[in-house]
Amino acid sequence: FYYKALEGMQASLGTEHLDTLSITAALARLLQQRGESGEPEKLLEAEPFYRLVMQGCERQLGRAHIQTACAIFDLAEFQEVRGRDAGDGFEVALEEANELYARELQIYEELYGADHEQTVECRRNLARFRKAYIDLDSEEE
């Protein structure tokens, strides 16, 4: 269903129209869920869709827009799952997730300020991620 809807939206509106990006994001999430539920090949299929959404939001809305921040979060979360669950190449996925979570925080700080509840939540999420993955690497060295 999502593939057909996406093809139709791309044909009529273009790949970077916001409605098309919304369908693309839904397809990426569906593929990720299927990948986490026993179809690992679907997990890898999700990545290009997440990247397309993030890049499209950056071009259509700008780098400092809430919808762009959401797309960055989605890709960061995906890379965290991929890094946690994958064998080879997991370090690269976790490094990218760290960079993306930090970028998301920067956007929230620019848009809302350091003390806004969404900024605080974003900062907590980055701290959680770093405690779980980055700090462990430092301790092992």
N, C-alpha and C. Protein backbone atom coordinates (compact mmCIF):
# COMPACT_ATOMS: atom_id res chain seq x y z
N PHE A 1 0.81 -1.20 0.00
CA PHE A 1 0.00 0.00 0.00
C PHE A 1 0.86 1.27 0.00
N TYR A 2 1.83 1.33 0.94
CA TYR A 2 2.66 2.54 1.04
C TYR A 2 3.50 2.77 -0.22
N TYR A 3 4.01 1.68 -0.79
CA TYR A 3 4.81 1.84 -2.02
C TYR A 3 3.96 2.46 -3.14
N LYS A 4 2.74 1.96 -3.29
CA LYS A 4 1.85 2.49 -4.33
C LYS A 4 1.50 3.95 -4.05
N ALA A 5 1.18 4.24 -2.80
CA ALA A 5 0.85 5.62 -2.42
C ALA A 5 2.06 6.53 -2.67
N LEU A 6 3.23 6.05 -2.32
CA LEU A 6 4.44 6.85 -2.51
C LEU A 6 4.70 7.10 -3.99
N GLU A 7 4.56 6.08 -4.81
CA GLU A 7 4.75 6.24 -6.26
C GLU A 7 3.79 7.28 -6.82
N GLY A 8 2.53 7.21 -6.41
CA GLY A 8 1.54 8.17 -6.88
C GLY A 8 1.84 9.59 -6.44
N MET A 9 2.25 9.76 -5.19
CA MET A 9 2.59 11.09 -4.68
C MET A 9 3.82 11.65 -5.39
N GLN A 10 4.82 10.80 -5.58
CA GLN A 10 6.03 11.25 -6.27
C GLN A 10 5.71 11.69 -7.69
N ALA A 11 4.85 10.93 -8.37
CA ALA A 11 4.50 11.26 -9.75
C ALA A 11 3.70 12.56 -9.83
N SER A 12 2.79 12.76 -8.90
CA SER A 12 1.92 13.94 -9.00
C SER A 12 2.49 15.18 -8.32
N LEU A 13 3.19 15.01 -7.21
CA LEU A 13 3.66 16.17 -6.44
C LEU A 13 5.18 16.36 -6.45
N GLY A 14 5.91 15.28 -6.74
CA GLY A 14 7.37 15.33 -6.68
C GLY A 14 7.88 14.67 -5.40
N THR A 15 9.15 14.30 -5.40
CA THR A 15 9.70 13.53 -4.28
C THR A 15 9.88 14.36 -3.01
N GLU A 16 9.99 15.69 -3.14
CA GLU A 16 10.25 16.51 -1.96
C GLU A 16 9.07 17.36 -1.52
N HIS A 17 7.91 17.10 -2.07
CA HIS A 17 6.71 17.78 -1.57
C HIS A 17 6.45 17.28 -0.15
N LEU A 18 5.97 18.14 0.71
CA LEU A 18 5.79 17.76 2.12
C LEU A 18 4.83 16.59 2.30
N ASP A 19 3.79 16.51 1.48
CA ASP A 19 2.88 15.37 1.57
C ASP A 19 3.57 14.07 1.15
N THR A 20 4.41 14.17 0.13
CA THR A 20 5.18 12.99 -0.30
C THR A 20 6.15 12.57 0.79
N LEU A 21 6.80 13.54 1.41
CA LEU A 21 7.74 13.23 2.49
C LEU A 21 7.04 12.57 3.67
N SER A 22 5.79 12.96 3.92
CA SER A 22 5.02 12.34 5.00
C SER A 22 4.78 10.86 4.72
N ILE A 23 4.40 10.53 3.49
CA ILE A 23 4.20 9.13 3.10
C ILE A 23 5.54 8.38 3.16
N THR A 24 6.61 9.03 2.72
CA THR A 24 7.93 8.41 2.74
C THR A 24 8.33 8.08 4.18
N ALA A 25 8.07 8.99 5.11
CA ALA A 25 8.39 8.75 6.52
C ALA A 25 7.57 7.58 7.07
N ALA A 26 6.30 7.52 6.70
CA ALA A 26 5.46 6.41 7.16
C ALA A 26 5.98 5.08 6.64
N LEU A 27 6.41 5.05 5.39
CA LEU A 27 6.98 3.83 4.82
C LEU A 27 8.26 3.45 5.55
N ALA A 28 9.11 4.41 5.84
CA ALA A 28 10.36 4.13 6.56
C ALA A 28 10.06 3.52 7.93
N ARG A 29 9.09 4.10 8.65
CA ARG A 29 8.74 3.57 9.97
C ARG A 29 8.18 2.15 9.87
N LEU A 30 7.35 1.91 8.86
CA LEU A 30 6.79 0.57 8.67
C LEU A 30 7.90 -0.44 8.40
N LEU A 31 8.82 -0.09 7.53
CA LEU A 31 9.94 -0.99 7.22
C LEU A 31 10.79 -1.24 8.46
N GLN A 32 11.02 -0.20 9.25
CA GLN A 32 11.80 -0.38 10.48
C GLN A 32 11.08 -1.33 11.44
N GLN A 33 9.78 -1.13 11.60
CA GLN A 33 9.01 -2.01 12.49
C GLN A 33 9.07 -3.46 12.02
N ARG A 34 8.95 -3.65 10.73
CA ARG A 34 9.03 -5.01 10.19
C ARG A 34 10.42 -5.58 10.38
N GLY A 35 11.43 -4.73 10.24
CA GLY A 35 12.81 -5.18 10.46
C GLY A 35 13.07 -5.58 11.90
N GLU A 36 12.45 -4.89 12.82
CA GLU A 36 12.60 -5.20 14.24
C GLU A 36 11.74 -6.39 14.65
N SER A 37 10.82 -6.79 13.78
CA SER A 37 9.90 -7.88 14.11
C SER A 37 10.21 -9.16 13.36
N GLY A 38 11.46 -9.35 13.01
CA GLY A 38 11.83 -10.63 12.41
C GLY A 38 12.12 -10.62 10.93
N GLU A 39 12.08 -9.47 10.28
CA GLU A 39 12.42 -9.38 8.86
C GLU A 39 13.61 -8.41 8.72
N PRO A 40 14.82 -8.85 9.09
CA PRO A 40 15.97 -7.93 9.16
C PRO A 40 16.29 -7.21 7.85
N GLU A 41 15.97 -7.82 6.72
CA GLU A 41 16.23 -7.15 5.44
C GLU A 41 15.40 -5.88 5.28
N LYS A 42 14.25 -5.84 5.92
CA LYS A 42 13.38 -4.66 5.86
C LYS A 42 14.00 -3.48 6.60
N LEU A 43 14.77 -3.78 7.63
CA LEU A 43 15.43 -2.72 8.40
C LEU A 43 16.36 -1.93 7.48
N LEU A 44 17.12 -2.62 6.68
CA LEU A 44 18.05 -1.94 5.77
C LEU A 44 17.31 -1.17 4.67
N GLU A 45 16.14 -1.64 4.29
CA GLU A 45 15.35 -0.93 3.28
C GLU A 45 14.84 0.41 3.78
N ALA A 46 14.73 0.57 5.09
CA ALA A 46 14.18 1.81 5.66
C ALA A 46 15.15 2.98 5.56
N GLU A 47 16.43 2.72 5.64
CA GLU A 47 17.42 3.80 5.73
C GLU A 47 17.33 4.83 4.61
N PRO A 48 17.30 4.44 3.34
CA PRO A 48 17.25 5.48 2.30
C PRO A 48 15.99 6.35 2.38
N PHE A 49 14.91 5.78 2.87
CA PHE A 49 13.68 6.56 3.01
C PHE A 49 13.82 7.60 4.13
N TYR A 50 14.43 7.20 5.24
CA TYR A 50 14.69 8.16 6.32
C TYR A 50 15.59 9.29 5.83
N ARG A 51 16.62 8.95 5.06
CA ARG A 51 17.53 9.98 4.56
C ARG A 51 16.83 10.92 3.58
N LEU A 52 15.99 10.36 2.73
CA LEU A 52 15.24 11.18 1.78
C LEU A 52 14.34 12.18 2.50
N VAL A 53 13.69 11.74 3.57
CA VAL A 53 12.82 12.62 4.33
C VAL A 53 13.63 13.74 4.98
N MET A 54 14.74 13.38 5.62
CA MET A 54 15.56 14.39 6.28
C MET A 54 16.09 15.41 5.28
N GLN A 55 16.62 14.94 4.18
CA GLN A 55 17.17 15.85 3.17
C GLN A 55 16.08 16.70 2.53
N GLY A 56 14.93 16.11 2.28
CA GLY A 56 13.81 16.86 1.71
C GLY A 56 13.33 17.95 2.66
N CYS A 57 13.23 17.63 3.93
CA CYS A 57 12.82 18.65 4.92
C CYS A 57 13.85 19.77 5.00
N GLU A 58 15.12 19.41 4.97
CA GLU A 58 16.16 20.44 5.01
C GLU A 58 16.03 21.39 3.83
N ARG A 59 15.79 20.83 2.65
CA ARG A 59 15.69 21.67 1.45
C ARG A 59 14.39 22.46 1.40
N GLN A 60 13.29 21.84 1.80
CA GLN A 60 11.98 22.50 1.69
C GLN A 60 11.71 23.47 2.84
N LEU A 61 12.16 23.13 4.03
CA LEU A 61 11.81 23.90 5.22
C LEU A 61 12.98 24.62 5.87
N GLY A 62 14.18 24.18 5.54
CA GLY A 62 15.38 24.76 6.15
C GLY A 62 15.93 23.85 7.23
N ARG A 63 17.17 24.11 7.58
CA ARG A 63 17.86 23.27 8.55
C ARG A 63 17.35 23.49 9.98
N ALA A 64 16.80 24.66 10.26
CA ALA A 64 16.35 24.98 11.62
C ALA A 64 14.82 25.06 11.64
N HIS A 65 14.17 23.96 11.36
CA HIS A 65 12.71 23.88 11.37
C HIS A 65 12.32 22.66 12.19
N ILE A 66 11.20 22.75 12.88
CA ILE A 66 10.78 21.67 13.77
C ILE A 66 10.57 20.36 13.02
N GLN A 67 10.02 20.44 11.81
CA GLN A 67 9.79 19.21 11.04
C GLN A 67 11.12 18.60 10.59
N THR A 68 12.10 19.44 10.32
CA THR A 68 13.44 18.95 9.99
C THR A 68 14.03 18.25 11.22
N ALA A 69 13.85 18.86 12.39
CA ALA A 69 14.35 18.24 13.63
C ALA A 69 13.70 16.88 13.85
N CYS A 70 12.42 16.76 13.55
CA CYS A 70 11.73 15.47 13.70
C CYS A 70 12.29 14.43 12.74
N ALA A 71 12.58 14.84 11.52
CA ALA A 71 13.16 13.92 10.53
C ALA A 71 14.57 13.50 10.96
N ILE A 72 15.32 14.43 11.54
CA ILE A 72 16.66 14.10 12.05
C ILE A 72 16.54 13.10 13.19
N PHE A 73 15.58 13.33 14.08
CA PHE A 73 15.35 12.40 15.19
C PHE A 73 15.02 11.00 14.66
N ASP A 74 14.14 10.93 13.67
CA ASP A 74 13.76 9.62 13.12
C ASP A 74 14.97 8.87 12.59
N LEU A 75 15.84 9.56 11.85
CA LEU A 75 17.04 8.90 11.33
C LEU A 75 17.98 8.54 12.47
N ALA A 76 18.12 9.40 13.47
CA ALA A 76 18.98 9.10 14.61
C ALA A 76 18.50 7.85 15.35
N GLU A 77 17.21 7.81 15.59
CA GLU A 77 16.63 6.66 16.28
C GLU A 77 16.82 5.38 15.47
N PHE A 78 16.63 5.49 14.15
CA PHE A 78 16.86 4.35 13.27
C PHE A 78 18.30 3.87 13.38
N GLN A 79 19.26 4.81 13.32
CA GLN A 79 20.67 4.44 13.39
C GLN A 79 21.01 3.84 14.75
N GLU A 80 20.36 4.31 15.79
CA GLU A 80 20.58 3.72 17.12
C GLU A 80 20.11 2.27 17.12
N VAL A 81 18.93 2.01 16.59
CA VAL A 81 18.42 0.64 16.52
C VAL A 81 19.34 -0.22 15.66
N ARG A 82 19.73 0.31 14.53
CA ARG A 82 20.62 -0.42 13.62
C ARG A 82 21.95 -0.71 14.29
N GLY A 83 22.49 0.29 14.97
CA GLY A 83 23.77 0.11 15.65
C GLY A 83 23.69 -0.87 16.80
N ARG A 84 22.58 -0.87 17.48
CA ARG A 84 22.39 -1.78 18.61
C ARG A 84 22.20 -3.21 18.13
N ASP A 85 21.47 -3.38 17.03
CA ASP A 85 21.08 -4.71 16.59
C ASP A 85 22.00 -5.32 15.54
N ALA A 86 22.78 -4.49 14.86
CA ALA A 86 23.58 -4.99 13.74
C ALA A 86 24.93 -5.50 14.24
N GLY A 87 25.50 -6.35 13.46
CA GLY A 87 26.85 -6.84 13.77
C GLY A 87 27.89 -5.88 13.23
N ASP A 88 28.29 -6.09 12.00
CA ASP A 88 29.31 -5.26 11.38
C ASP A 88 28.79 -3.86 11.13
N GLY A 89 29.65 -2.89 11.35
CA GLY A 89 29.32 -1.52 11.05
C GLY A 89 28.49 -0.83 12.11
N PHE A 90 28.31 -1.47 13.26
CA PHE A 90 27.45 -0.85 14.26
C PHE A 90 28.06 0.43 14.82
N GLU A 91 29.39 0.50 14.87
CA GLU A 91 30.02 1.72 15.40
C GLU A 91 29.67 2.93 14.54
N VAL A 92 29.68 2.75 13.23
CA VAL A 92 29.38 3.86 12.31
C VAL A 92 27.94 4.33 12.52
N ALA A 93 27.02 3.39 12.65
CA ALA A 93 25.62 3.75 12.88
C ALA A 93 25.45 4.51 14.19
N LEU A 94 26.13 4.06 15.24
CA LEU A 94 26.02 4.73 16.53
C LEU A 94 26.68 6.11 16.51
N GLU A 95 27.79 6.23 15.80
CA GLU A 95 28.43 7.55 15.66
C GLU A 95 27.50 8.52 14.94
N GLU A 96 26.86 8.05 13.88
CA GLU A 96 25.93 8.92 13.17
C GLU A 96 24.74 9.27 14.05
N ALA A 97 24.23 8.30 14.79
CA ALA A 97 23.11 8.57 15.69
C ALA A 97 23.49 9.66 16.69
N ASN A 98 24.68 9.58 17.24
CA ASN A 98 25.14 10.59 18.19
C ASN A 98 25.17 11.98 17.54
N GLU A 99 25.71 12.06 16.34
CA GLU A 99 25.77 13.35 15.63
C GLU A 99 24.38 13.88 15.32
N LEU A 100 23.48 12.99 14.93
CA LEU A 100 22.12 13.41 14.59
C LEU A 100 21.35 13.87 15.82
N TYR A 101 21.46 13.14 16.92
CA TYR A 101 20.79 13.57 18.16
C TYR A 101 21.32 14.94 18.59
N ALA A 102 22.62 15.16 18.44
CA ALA A 102 23.20 16.47 18.81
C ALA A 102 22.68 17.57 17.89
N ARG A 103 22.55 17.27 16.61
CA ARG A 103 22.00 18.24 15.66
C ARG A 103 20.56 18.58 15.99
N GLU A 104 19.79 17.57 16.34
CA GLU A 104 18.40 17.79 16.73
C GLU A 104 18.33 18.72 17.93
N LEU A 105 19.18 18.48 18.93
CA LEU A 105 19.21 19.34 20.11
C LEU A 105 19.55 20.78 19.74
N GLN A 106 20.49 20.93 18.85
CA GLN A 106 20.89 22.28 18.43
C GLN A 106 19.70 23.02 17.81
N ILE A 107 18.92 22.33 17.01
CA ILE A 107 17.75 22.95 16.38
C ILE A 107 16.74 23.38 17.45
N TYR A 108 16.46 22.49 18.40
CA TYR A 108 15.51 22.84 19.46
C TYR A 108 16.00 24.03 20.27
N GLU A 109 17.29 24.06 20.55
CA GLU A 109 17.85 25.20 21.29
C GLU A 109 17.69 26.50 20.50
N GLU A 110 17.93 26.43 19.19
CA GLU A 110 17.76 27.63 18.34
C GLU A 110 16.30 28.08 18.28
N LEU A 111 15.40 27.12 18.17
CA LEU A 111 13.99 27.46 18.00
C LEU A 111 13.31 27.85 19.31
N TYR A 112 13.62 27.14 20.39
CA TYR A 112 12.86 27.31 21.63
C TYR A 112 13.67 27.81 22.82
N GLY A 113 14.98 27.75 22.72
CA GLY A 113 15.81 28.13 23.86
C GLY A 113 16.17 26.91 24.70
N ALA A 114 17.14 27.10 25.58
CA ALA A 114 17.70 25.99 26.36
C ALA A 114 16.75 25.40 27.39
N ASP A 115 15.81 26.20 27.89
CA ASP A 115 14.98 25.74 29.00
C ASP A 115 13.58 25.25 28.60
N HIS A 116 13.27 25.30 27.32
CA HIS A 116 11.95 24.84 26.86
C HIS A 116 11.83 23.34 27.10
N GLU A 117 10.62 22.88 27.41
CA GLU A 117 10.40 21.47 27.76
C GLU A 117 10.83 20.51 26.64
N GLN A 118 10.60 20.89 25.38
CA GLN A 118 11.01 20.01 24.28
C GLN A 118 12.53 19.98 24.16
N THR A 119 13.19 21.10 24.41
CA THR A 119 14.65 21.14 24.38
C THR A 119 15.21 20.29 25.51
N VAL A 120 14.63 20.40 26.68
CA VAL A 120 15.07 19.61 27.83
C VAL A 120 14.91 18.12 27.54
N GLU A 121 13.77 17.74 26.97
CA GLU A 121 13.53 16.34 26.62
C GLU A 121 14.56 15.85 25.59
N CYS A 122 14.85 16.68 24.64
CA CYS A 122 15.84 16.35 23.61
C CYS A 122 17.23 16.16 24.25
N ARG A 123 17.57 17.04 25.18
CA ARG A 123 18.85 16.94 25.88
C ARG A 123 18.91 15.64 26.69
N ARG A 124 17.81 15.29 27.35
CA ARG A 124 17.75 14.03 28.11
C ARG A 124 17.94 12.82 27.19
N ASN A 125 17.32 12.89 26.03
CA ASN A 125 17.44 11.79 25.07
C ASN A 125 18.89 11.63 24.62
N LEU A 126 19.56 12.73 24.33
CA LEU A 126 20.97 12.67 23.93
C LEU A 126 21.82 12.12 25.07
N ALA A 127 21.56 12.55 26.29
CA ALA A 127 22.30 12.05 27.45
C ALA A 127 22.07 10.55 27.64
N ARG A 128 20.82 10.12 27.48
CA ARG A 128 20.50 8.68 27.57
C ARG A 128 21.28 7.88 26.55
N PHE A 129 21.27 8.38 25.31
CA PHE A 129 21.99 7.69 24.24
C PHE A 129 23.48 7.62 24.57
N ARG A 130 24.06 8.74 24.95
CA ARG A 130 25.51 8.76 25.23
C ARG A 130 25.87 7.88 26.41
N LYS A 131 25.01 7.85 27.41
CA LYS A 131 25.28 6.98 28.56
C LYS A 131 25.24 5.52 28.15
N ALA A 132 24.31 5.18 27.29
CA ALA A 132 24.14 3.79 26.87
C ALA A 132 25.23 3.33 25.91
N TYR A 133 25.72 4.22 25.04
CA TYR A 133 26.62 3.78 23.97
C TYR A 133 27.97 4.46 23.99
N ILE A 134 28.01 5.76 24.09
CA ILE A 134 29.26 6.48 23.97
C ILE A 134 30.10 6.33 25.22
N ASP A 135 29.50 6.51 26.40
CA ASP A 135 30.25 6.40 27.64
C ASP A 135 30.81 5.00 27.85
N LEU A 136 30.10 3.97 27.37
CA LEU A 136 30.60 2.62 27.46
C LEU A 136 31.89 2.44 26.68
N ASP A 137 31.95 3.03 25.51
CA ASP A 137 33.16 2.96 24.69
C ASP A 137 34.33 3.62 25.41
N SER A 138 34.10 4.74 26.07
CA SER A 138 35.15 5.45 26.78
C SER A 138 35.68 4.62 27.95
N GLU A 139 34.78 3.95 28.65
CA GLU A 139 35.18 3.15 29.80
C GLU A 139 36.00 1.94 29.41
N GLU A 140 35.74 1.39 28.21
CA GLU A 140 36.45 0.19 27.78
C GLU A 140 37.88 0.49 27.39
N GLU A 141 38.19 1.72 27.02
CA GLU A 141 39.54 2.07 26.56
C GLU A 141 40.52 2.18 27.69
